[in-house]
N, C-alpha and C. Protein backbone atom coordinates (compact mmCIF):
# COMPACT_ATOMS: atom_id res chain seq x y z
N MET A 1 18.88 126.94 77.20
CA MET A 1 17.86 125.86 77.47
C MET A 1 16.53 126.41 77.24
N SER A 2 15.52 125.64 76.50
CA SER A 2 14.40 126.03 76.41
C SER A 2 13.31 125.98 77.66
N ALA A 3 12.29 126.73 77.60
CA ALA A 3 11.34 126.70 78.62
C ALA A 3 10.60 125.48 78.84
N ALA A 4 10.52 124.60 77.75
CA ALA A 4 9.95 123.24 77.96
C ALA A 4 10.87 122.33 78.82
N ARG A 5 12.06 122.37 78.37
CA ARG A 5 13.12 121.57 79.23
C ARG A 5 13.18 121.95 80.48
N ASN A 6 13.12 123.34 80.87
CA ASN A 6 13.04 123.80 82.29
C ASN A 6 11.97 123.25 83.00
N VAL A 7 10.74 123.32 82.40
CA VAL A 7 9.55 122.90 83.02
C VAL A 7 9.67 121.25 83.40
N ALA A 8 10.06 120.58 82.27
CA ALA A 8 10.18 119.03 82.49
C ALA A 8 11.10 118.72 83.46
N GLY A 9 12.44 119.39 83.42
CA GLY A 9 13.63 119.21 84.35
C GLY A 9 13.07 119.56 85.70
N ASN A 10 12.37 120.69 86.10
CA ASN A 10 11.96 120.91 87.38
C ASN A 10 10.84 119.98 87.91
N GLN A 11 10.12 119.36 86.84
CA GLN A 11 9.15 118.56 87.45
C GLN A 11 9.75 117.16 87.72
N ARG A 12 10.78 116.85 87.06
CA ARG A 12 11.41 115.40 87.37
C ARG A 12 12.18 115.63 88.73
N LEU A 13 12.80 116.69 88.89
CA LEU A 13 13.53 116.90 90.10
C LEU A 13 12.62 117.12 91.30
N THR A 14 11.47 117.73 91.21
CA THR A 14 10.60 117.78 92.26
C THR A 14 10.00 116.54 92.52
N ALA A 15 9.54 115.52 91.51
CA ALA A 15 9.07 114.35 91.70
C ALA A 15 10.12 113.40 92.39
N GLY A 16 11.42 113.40 92.04
CA GLY A 16 12.32 112.68 92.56
C GLY A 16 12.75 112.98 93.92
N ALA A 17 12.70 114.26 94.23
CA ALA A 17 12.94 114.74 95.76
C ALA A 17 11.70 114.24 96.55
N ALA A 18 10.55 114.18 96.05
CA ALA A 18 9.29 113.71 96.79
C ALA A 18 9.48 112.14 97.12
N ILE A 19 9.85 111.54 96.15
CA ILE A 19 10.02 110.10 96.36
C ILE A 19 11.03 109.88 97.30
N LEU A 20 12.38 110.48 97.29
CA LEU A 20 13.30 110.28 98.23
C LEU A 20 12.78 110.56 99.57
N LEU A 21 12.01 111.65 99.78
CA LEU A 21 11.74 112.19 101.01
C LEU A 21 10.62 111.25 101.50
N LEU A 22 9.69 110.62 100.63
CA LEU A 22 8.98 109.57 101.14
C LEU A 22 9.46 108.62 101.65
N VAL A 23 10.40 107.88 101.09
CA VAL A 23 10.96 106.83 101.53
C VAL A 23 11.91 107.16 102.84
N ALA A 24 12.52 108.21 102.89
CA ALA A 24 13.39 108.59 104.16
C ALA A 24 12.48 108.79 105.39
N LEU A 25 11.17 109.32 105.16
CA LEU A 25 10.33 109.61 106.09
C LEU A 25 9.69 108.17 106.75
N ALA A 26 9.66 107.21 105.66
CA ALA A 26 9.11 105.96 106.03
C ALA A 26 9.93 105.44 106.94
N ALA A 27 11.37 105.34 106.41
CA ALA A 27 12.47 104.82 107.31
C ALA A 27 12.46 105.41 108.59
N GLU A 28 12.16 106.72 108.74
CA GLU A 28 12.54 107.47 109.93
C GLU A 28 11.36 106.94 110.94
N SER A 29 10.18 106.78 110.29
CA SER A 29 8.96 106.26 111.13
C SER A 29 9.23 105.03 111.74
N VAL A 30 9.75 104.17 111.03
CA VAL A 30 10.09 102.78 111.51
C VAL A 30 11.18 102.69 112.59
N THR A 31 12.05 103.80 112.60
CA THR A 31 13.05 103.77 113.64
C THR A 31 12.40 104.32 114.89
N VAL A 32 11.40 105.06 114.69
CA VAL A 32 10.74 105.58 115.96
C VAL A 32 10.10 104.60 116.85
N ILE A 33 9.36 103.51 116.21
CA ILE A 33 8.85 102.35 116.84
C ILE A 33 9.69 101.71 117.86
N ALA A 34 11.01 101.46 117.50
CA ALA A 34 12.03 100.91 118.51
C ALA A 34 13.14 101.86 118.61
N MET A 35 12.87 102.97 119.34
CA MET A 35 13.88 104.08 119.39
C MET A 35 14.98 103.57 120.27
N GLY A 36 14.89 102.76 121.19
CA GLY A 36 16.02 102.30 122.01
C GLY A 36 17.09 101.63 121.21
N GLN A 37 16.57 100.63 120.34
CA GLN A 37 17.62 99.80 119.70
C GLN A 37 18.00 100.60 118.29
N LEU A 38 17.20 101.40 117.79
CA LEU A 38 17.49 102.10 116.61
C LEU A 38 17.91 103.53 116.63
N LEU A 39 18.39 103.77 117.72
CA LEU A 39 18.88 105.39 117.86
C LEU A 39 19.82 105.90 116.72
N ALA A 40 20.69 105.19 116.72
CA ALA A 40 21.80 105.49 115.61
C ALA A 40 21.18 105.74 114.28
N PRO A 41 20.61 104.66 113.81
CA PRO A 41 20.01 104.79 112.47
C PRO A 41 18.83 105.99 112.55
N HIS A 42 18.22 106.17 113.58
CA HIS A 42 17.27 107.32 113.62
C HIS A 42 18.02 108.68 113.41
N ILE A 43 19.09 108.90 114.03
CA ILE A 43 19.90 110.11 113.99
C ILE A 43 20.22 110.33 112.56
N VAL A 44 20.83 109.38 112.01
CA VAL A 44 21.54 109.36 110.57
C VAL A 44 20.37 109.57 109.55
N ILE A 45 19.30 108.92 109.54
CA ILE A 45 18.15 109.18 108.75
C ILE A 45 17.62 110.53 108.84
N GLY A 46 17.57 110.97 110.17
CA GLY A 46 16.99 112.45 110.43
C GLY A 46 17.90 113.46 109.79
N MET A 47 19.32 113.12 109.78
CA MET A 47 20.25 114.14 109.38
C MET A 47 20.18 114.09 107.92
N LEU A 48 19.87 112.92 107.21
CA LEU A 48 19.77 112.96 105.45
C LEU A 48 18.42 113.47 105.36
N LEU A 49 17.38 113.71 106.15
CA LEU A 49 16.18 114.34 105.90
C LEU A 49 16.34 115.86 105.52
N ILE A 50 17.29 116.42 106.18
CA ILE A 50 17.46 117.87 106.03
C ILE A 50 17.76 118.40 104.76
N PRO A 51 18.90 117.64 103.94
CA PRO A 51 18.97 118.28 102.56
C PRO A 51 17.93 117.79 101.60
N LEU A 52 17.05 116.77 101.86
CA LEU A 52 16.11 116.33 101.14
C LEU A 52 15.03 117.42 101.28
N VAL A 53 14.62 117.71 102.45
CA VAL A 53 13.64 118.76 102.57
C VAL A 53 13.88 120.22 102.00
N ILE A 54 15.49 120.63 102.11
CA ILE A 54 15.64 121.71 101.40
C ILE A 54 15.50 121.76 100.00
N LEU A 55 15.94 120.53 99.42
CA LEU A 55 15.82 120.25 97.88
C LEU A 55 14.31 120.56 97.51
N LYS A 56 13.37 119.74 98.22
CA LYS A 56 11.94 119.87 97.97
C LYS A 56 11.38 121.17 98.11
N LEU A 57 11.81 122.00 99.01
CA LEU A 57 11.36 123.29 99.23
C LEU A 57 11.86 124.23 98.08
N ALA A 58 13.20 123.99 97.80
CA ALA A 58 13.74 124.81 96.74
C ALA A 58 13.17 124.57 95.39
N THR A 59 12.87 123.12 94.92
CA THR A 59 12.29 123.06 93.62
C THR A 59 10.81 123.56 93.65
N THR A 60 10.17 123.31 94.66
CA THR A 60 8.66 123.71 94.65
C THR A 60 8.62 125.20 94.80
N GLY A 61 9.60 125.78 95.41
CA GLY A 61 9.51 127.27 95.66
C GLY A 61 9.98 127.95 94.39
N TYR A 62 10.85 127.44 93.56
CA TYR A 62 11.16 127.79 92.32
C TYR A 62 10.25 127.72 91.18
N ARG A 63 9.37 126.55 91.35
CA ARG A 63 8.28 126.36 90.36
C ARG A 63 7.15 127.33 90.75
N PHE A 64 6.95 127.69 92.06
CA PHE A 64 5.83 128.73 92.32
C PHE A 64 6.37 130.04 91.87
N VAL A 65 7.52 130.42 92.10
CA VAL A 65 7.91 131.74 91.76
C VAL A 65 7.88 131.97 90.24
N VAL A 66 8.28 131.01 89.47
CA VAL A 66 8.31 131.07 88.10
C VAL A 66 6.81 131.12 87.53
N ALA A 67 6.06 130.08 88.08
CA ALA A 67 4.54 130.20 87.66
C ALA A 67 3.87 131.52 87.95
N ALA A 68 4.11 132.16 89.11
CA ALA A 68 3.74 133.47 89.55
C ALA A 68 4.15 134.40 88.56
N GLY A 69 5.26 134.38 88.18
CA GLY A 69 5.93 135.29 87.15
C GLY A 69 5.65 135.17 85.86
N THR A 70 5.13 133.83 85.48
CA THR A 70 4.79 133.32 84.06
C THR A 70 6.07 133.65 83.14
N VAL A 71 7.22 133.22 83.58
CA VAL A 71 8.40 133.50 82.91
C VAL A 71 8.80 132.36 82.05
N LEU A 72 8.87 131.06 82.52
CA LEU A 72 9.23 129.91 81.72
C LEU A 72 8.22 128.86 81.27
N GLY A 73 7.00 129.25 81.19
CA GLY A 73 6.05 128.37 80.79
C GLY A 73 5.36 127.52 81.90
N PHE A 74 5.69 127.79 83.24
CA PHE A 74 4.85 126.95 84.25
C PHE A 74 3.44 127.49 84.31
N ALA A 75 3.10 128.55 83.87
CA ALA A 75 1.71 129.12 83.91
C ALA A 75 0.71 128.01 83.52
N SER A 76 0.85 127.41 82.46
CA SER A 76 -0.10 126.62 81.92
C SER A 76 -0.20 125.31 82.80
N LEU A 77 0.74 125.05 83.68
CA LEU A 77 0.90 123.77 84.44
C LEU A 77 0.34 123.99 85.89
N SER A 78 0.04 125.06 86.23
CA SER A 78 -0.24 125.26 87.69
C SER A 78 -1.51 126.02 88.01
N LEU A 79 -1.79 126.15 89.21
CA LEU A 79 -2.99 126.71 89.67
C LEU A 79 -2.84 128.18 89.70
N ALA A 80 -1.61 128.70 89.83
CA ALA A 80 -1.17 129.99 90.14
C ALA A 80 -1.69 130.72 88.91
N HIS A 81 -1.69 130.16 87.75
CA HIS A 81 -2.07 130.85 86.62
C HIS A 81 -3.65 131.17 86.50
N SER A 82 -4.43 130.34 87.15
CA SER A 82 -5.90 130.64 87.08
C SER A 82 -6.10 131.70 88.27
N TRP A 83 -5.36 131.79 89.23
CA TRP A 83 -5.55 132.66 90.31
C TRP A 83 -5.07 134.09 89.85
N LEU A 84 -4.08 134.14 88.87
CA LEU A 84 -3.51 135.41 88.65
C LEU A 84 -4.20 136.11 87.30
N GLY A 85 -5.24 135.22 86.80
CA GLY A 85 -5.89 135.72 85.77
C GLY A 85 -5.55 135.58 84.54
């Protein structure tokens, strides 16, 4: 797999995770308003947030590590490159 495909694939995965996380957090916020009636959905959505947060941390962390190491072409797309010289 080429470096360009790795960059594009990670960007899509990170963006997709961010969108899913945003939607899930919005739904979780709605359940907080009426906690008494929406306790079960609040718990379910909260449990669904855990893998989404882990996915987002993993994709963002991978991108940072690769950018810092300038291994797969992320350097030109990130601020880490400008900091590292």
